[in-house]
Amino acid sequence: MALIDQIRNDIKFIKGSSDAPLVTAITFTTPASISPTVTKTIKGIAVKHFTSIDQTTGAPMAGKTSRVSIAESLLIDVGYPTRNADPKPKVWMKGHYVSFVDSTGLTYSAVITETIPNEMTGEIVCMLGDRS
């Protein structure tokens, strides 16, 4: 097995393992523009915090940041669409919905505002915004 294959397997195992610290169930739902609607739940890492960094000064400031980090292969395994329909499909999940239970026991629902895929390792980080 090549090193990159081992890295991909490790990421899938860590993100998808219910025994790993910080791993939680994350539910993904396609937007109305994708028919039929698909809803799937996988394991991943979800983060929500209320401190940001001022981009001009580097000083900490108040502001909500939330994101999920998952292995794309886990979504593919359960039949969830992660890529657009271009001739060379790219990871595109902007506008999809995400929900997870936070550390206080409340369900946090959000919309994906940006996807940051690592095409080498198969990891996807989804930046989240408030669901309107």
C-alpha atoms as a PDB file:
ATOM      1  CA  MET A   1       0.000   0.000   0.000  1.00  0.00           C
ATOM      2  CA  ALA A   2       1.331   3.417  -0.973  1.00  0.00           C
ATOM      3  CA  LEU A   3       1.796   6.016   1.763  1.00  0.00           C
ATOM      4  CA  ILE A   4      -0.981   8.271   0.385  1.00  0.00           C
ATOM      5  CA  ASP A   5      -3.406   5.334   0.437  1.00  0.00           C
ATOM      6  CA  GLN A   6      -2.534   4.724   4.085  1.00  0.00           C
ATOM      7  CA  ILE A   7      -3.114   8.425   4.832  1.00  0.00           C
ATOM      8  CA  ARG A   8      -6.547   8.295   3.145  1.00  0.00           C
ATOM      9  CA  ASN A   9      -7.477   5.167   5.102  1.00  0.00           C
ATOM     10  CA  ASP A  10      -6.317   6.754   8.361  1.00  0.00           C
ATOM     11  CA  ILE A  11      -8.369   9.913   7.748  1.00  0.00           C
ATOM     12  CA  LYS A  12     -11.450   7.829   6.949  1.00  0.00           C
ATOM     13  CA  PHE A  13     -10.921   5.704  10.073  1.00  0.00           C
ATOM     14  CA  ILE A  14     -10.305   8.663  12.411  1.00  0.00           C
ATOM     15  CA  LYS A  15     -13.165  10.815  11.090  1.00  0.00           C
ATOM     16  CA  GLY A  16     -15.571   7.879  10.880  1.00  0.00           C
ATOM     17  CA  SER A  17     -14.759   6.182  14.174  1.00  0.00           C
ATOM     18  CA  SER A  18     -17.230   6.596  17.000  1.00  0.00           C
ATOM     19  CA  ASP A  19     -14.380   5.957  19.446  1.00  0.00           C
ATOM     20  CA  ALA A  20     -12.196   8.858  18.309  1.00  0.00           C
ATOM     21  CA  PRO A  21     -12.209  12.003  20.463  1.00  0.00           C
ATOM     22  CA  LEU A  22     -14.197  14.951  19.078  1.00  0.00           C
ATOM     23  CA  VAL A  23     -16.035  12.768  16.527  1.00  0.00           C
ATOM     24  CA  THR A  24     -19.785  13.307  16.315  1.00  0.00           C
ATOM     25  CA  ALA A  25     -22.707  12.372  14.077  1.00  0.00           C
ATOM     26  CA  ILE A  26     -23.239  14.970  11.340  1.00  0.00           C
ATOM     27  CA  THR A  27     -26.354  15.017   9.156  1.00  0.00           C
ATOM     28  CA  PHE A  28     -26.088  16.363   5.600  1.00  0.00           C
ATOM     29  CA  THR A  29     -29.115  17.336   3.492  1.00  0.00           C
ATOM     30  CA  THR A  30     -29.075  18.432  -0.138  1.00  0.00           C
ATOM     31  CA  PRO A  31     -30.634  21.795  -1.055  1.00  0.00           C
ATOM     32  CA  ALA A  32     -34.001  22.024  -2.839  1.00  0.00           C
ATOM     33  CA  SER A  33     -32.178  22.493  -6.172  1.00  0.00           C
ATOM     34  CA  ILE A  34     -31.112  18.824  -6.048  1.00  0.00           C
ATOM     35  CA  SER A  35     -33.959  16.419  -6.626  1.00  0.00           C
ATOM     36  CA  PRO A  36     -34.746  14.132  -4.964  1.00  0.00           C
ATOM     37  CA  THR A  37     -33.628  15.453  -1.591  1.00  0.00           C
ATOM     38  CA  VAL A  38     -30.960  13.280   0.016  1.00  0.00           C
ATOM     39  CA  THR A  39     -30.310  13.191   3.771  1.00  0.00           C
ATOM     40  CA  LYS A  40     -27.459  11.116   5.190  1.00  0.00           C
ATOM     41  CA  THR A  41     -25.685  10.966   8.548  1.00  0.00           C
ATOM     42  CA  ILE A  42     -21.991  10.148   8.929  1.00  0.00           C
ATOM     43  CA  LYS A  43     -19.330  10.656  11.571  1.00  0.00           C
ATOM     44  CA  GLY A  44     -16.959  13.613  11.439  1.00  0.00           C
ATOM     45  CA  ILE A  45     -15.534  16.475  13.446  1.00  0.00           C
ATOM     46  CA  ALA A  46     -17.786  19.473  14.100  1.00  0.00           C
ATOM     47  CA  VAL A  47     -16.514  22.731  15.603  1.00  0.00           C
ATOM     48  CA  LYS A  48     -18.432  25.803  16.733  1.00  0.00           C
ATOM     49  CA  HIS A  49     -16.792  28.595  18.687  1.00  0.00           C
ATOM     50  CA  PHE A  50     -17.238  32.283  19.343  1.00  0.00           C
ATOM     51  CA  THR A  51     -13.761  33.729  18.909  1.00  0.00           C
ATOM     52  CA  SER A  52     -12.374  35.008  15.630  1.00  0.00           C
ATOM     53  CA  ILE A  53      -9.195  36.739  14.532  1.00  0.00           C
ATOM     54  CA  ASP A  54      -9.204  40.288  13.156  1.00  0.00           C
ATOM     55  CA  GLN A  55      -7.622  39.868   9.715  1.00  0.00           C
ATOM     56  CA  THR A  56      -5.940  43.286   9.794  1.00  0.00           C
ATOM     57  CA  THR A  57      -4.461  43.276  13.322  1.00  0.00           C
ATOM     58  CA  GLY A  58      -4.338  39.590  14.233  1.00  0.00           C
ATOM     59  CA  ALA A  59      -6.076  40.349  17.519  1.00  0.00           C
ATOM     60  CA  PRO A  60      -8.788  38.036  18.888  1.00  0.00           C
ATOM     61  CA  MET A  61     -12.336  39.328  18.614  1.00  0.00           C
ATOM     62  CA  ALA A  62     -15.891  38.120  19.163  1.00  0.00           C
ATOM     63  CA  GLY A  63     -17.447  36.303  16.218  1.00  0.00           C
ATOM     64  CA  LYS A  64     -18.968  32.908  15.529  1.00  0.00           C
ATOM     65  CA  THR A  65     -17.060  30.364  13.470  1.00  0.00           C
ATOM     66  CA  SER A  66     -18.336  26.889  12.699  1.00  0.00           C
ATOM     67  CA  ARG A  67     -17.156  24.108  10.442  1.00  0.00           C
ATOM     68  CA  VAL A  68     -17.276  20.374   9.901  1.00  0.00           C
ATOM     69  CA  SER A  69     -14.441  18.177   8.730  1.00  0.00           C
ATOM     70  CA  ILE A  70     -15.227  14.847   7.096  1.00  0.00           C
ATOM     71  CA  ALA A  71     -13.767  12.198   4.823  1.00  0.00           C
ATOM     72  CA  GLU A  72     -15.402  12.476   1.388  1.00  0.00           C
ATOM     73  CA  SER A  73     -15.324   8.697   1.044  1.00  0.00           C
ATOM     74  CA  LEU A  74     -17.701   8.352   4.019  1.00  0.00           C
ATOM     75  CA  LEU A  75     -20.305  10.460   2.197  1.00  0.00           C
ATOM     76  CA  ILE A  76     -19.743   8.558  -1.048  1.00  0.00           C
ATOM     77  CA  ASP A  77     -20.141   5.240   0.809  1.00  0.00           C
ATOM     78  CA  VAL A  78     -23.661   6.244   1.935  1.00  0.00           C
ATOM     79  CA  GLY A  79     -24.658   7.663  -1.459  1.00  0.00           C
ATOM     80  CA  TYR A  80     -24.500  11.381  -0.695  1.00  0.00           C
ATOM     81  CA  PRO A  81     -23.572  13.712  -3.606  1.00  0.00           C
ATOM     82  CA  THR A  82     -20.403  15.725  -3.009  1.00  0.00           C
ATOM     83  CA  ARG A  83     -19.439  16.818  -6.521  1.00  0.00           C
ATOM     84  CA  ASN A  84     -20.992  18.975  -9.239  1.00  0.00           C
ATOM     85  CA  ALA A  85     -21.961  17.691 -12.679  1.00  0.00           C
ATOM     86  CA  ASP A  86     -19.077  19.300 -14.610  1.00  0.00           C
ATOM     87  CA  PRO A  87     -17.130  17.132 -17.069  1.00  0.00           C
ATOM     88  CA  LYS A  88     -14.331  17.235 -14.467  1.00  0.00           C
ATOM     89  CA  PRO A  89     -16.410  17.085 -11.252  1.00  0.00           C
ATOM     90  CA  LYS A  90     -15.213  19.195  -8.348  1.00  0.00           C
ATOM     91  CA  VAL A  91     -16.238  19.011  -4.708  1.00  0.00           C
ATOM     92  CA  TRP A  92     -19.175  21.411  -4.474  1.00  0.00           C
ATOM     93  CA  MET A  93     -21.443  21.351  -1.445  1.00  0.00           C
ATOM     94  CA  LYS A  94     -22.185  25.055  -1.086  1.00  0.00           C
ATOM     95  CA  GLY A  95     -25.833  25.484  -0.076  1.00  0.00           C
ATOM     96  CA  HIS A  96     -26.164  21.994   1.431  1.00  0.00           C
ATOM     97  CA  TYR A  97     -27.459  21.798   5.000  1.00  0.00           C
ATOM     98  CA  VAL A  98     -25.669  20.373   8.019  1.00  0.00           C
ATOM     99  CA  SER A  99     -26.797  19.626  11.552  1.00  0.00           C
ATOM    100  CA  PHE A 100     -25.083  18.186  14.605  1.00  0.00           C
ATOM    101  CA  VAL A 101     -25.509  18.149  18.368  1.00  0.00           C
ATOM    102  CA  ASP A 102     -23.088  20.543  20.071  1.00  0.00           C
ATOM    103  CA  SER A 103     -21.414  20.151  23.465  1.00  0.00           C
ATOM    104  CA  THR A 104     -24.421  21.681  25.238  1.00  0.00           C
ATOM    105  CA  GLY A 105     -26.759  19.047  23.793  1.00  0.00           C
ATOM    106  CA  LEU A 106     -28.472  21.445  21.394  1.00  0.00           C
ATOM    107  CA  THR A 107     -28.862  20.660  17.715  1.00  0.00           C
ATOM    108  CA  TYR A 108     -27.021  23.209  15.564  1.00  0.00           C
ATOM    109  CA  SER A 109     -28.346  23.591  12.005  1.00  0.00           C
ATOM    110  CA  ALA A 110     -26.348  25.467   9.401  1.00  0.00           C
ATOM    111  CA  VAL A 111     -25.775  25.906   5.690  1.00  0.00           C
ATOM    112  CA  ILE A 112     -22.467  25.189   3.985  1.00  0.00           C
ATOM    113  CA  THR A 113     -20.997  28.484   2.767  1.00  0.00           C
ATOM    114  CA  GLU A 114     -17.684  27.146   1.485  1.00  0.00           C
ATOM    115  CA  THR A 115     -16.089  23.769   0.840  1.00  0.00           C
ATOM    116  CA  ILE A 116     -12.348  23.325   1.191  1.00  0.00           C
ATOM    117  CA  PRO A 117     -11.402  19.919  -0.190  1.00  0.00           C
ATOM    118  CA  ASN A 118      -8.022  18.275   0.061  1.00  0.00           C
ATOM    119  CA  GLU A 119      -8.008  16.298  -3.176  1.00  0.00           C
ATOM    120  CA  MET A 120      -4.853  14.463  -2.115  1.00  0.00           C
ATOM    121  CA  THR A 121      -6.177  13.029   1.163  1.00  0.00           C
ATOM    122  CA  GLY A 122      -9.931  13.051   0.496  1.00  0.00           C
ATOM    123  CA  GLU A 123     -10.734  15.286   3.455  1.00  0.00           C
ATOM    124  CA  ILE A 124     -13.337  18.056   3.125  1.00  0.00           C
ATOM    125  CA  VAL A 125     -13.678  21.020   5.465  1.00  0.00           C
ATOM    126  CA  CYS A 126     -17.049  22.759   5.175  1.00  0.00           C
ATOM    127  CA  MET A 127     -17.351  26.295   6.523  1.00  0.00           C
ATOM    128  CA  LEU A 128     -20.816  26.910   7.924  1.00  0.00           C
ATOM    129  CA  GLY A 129     -23.163  29.869   8.147  1.00  0.00           C
ATOM    130  CA  ASP A 130     -26.469  30.413   9.898  1.00  0.00           C
ATOM    131  CA  ARG A 131     -29.397  28.688   8.251  1.00  0.00           C
ATOM    132  CA  SER A 132     -32.065  31.225   7.356  1.00  0.00           C
END
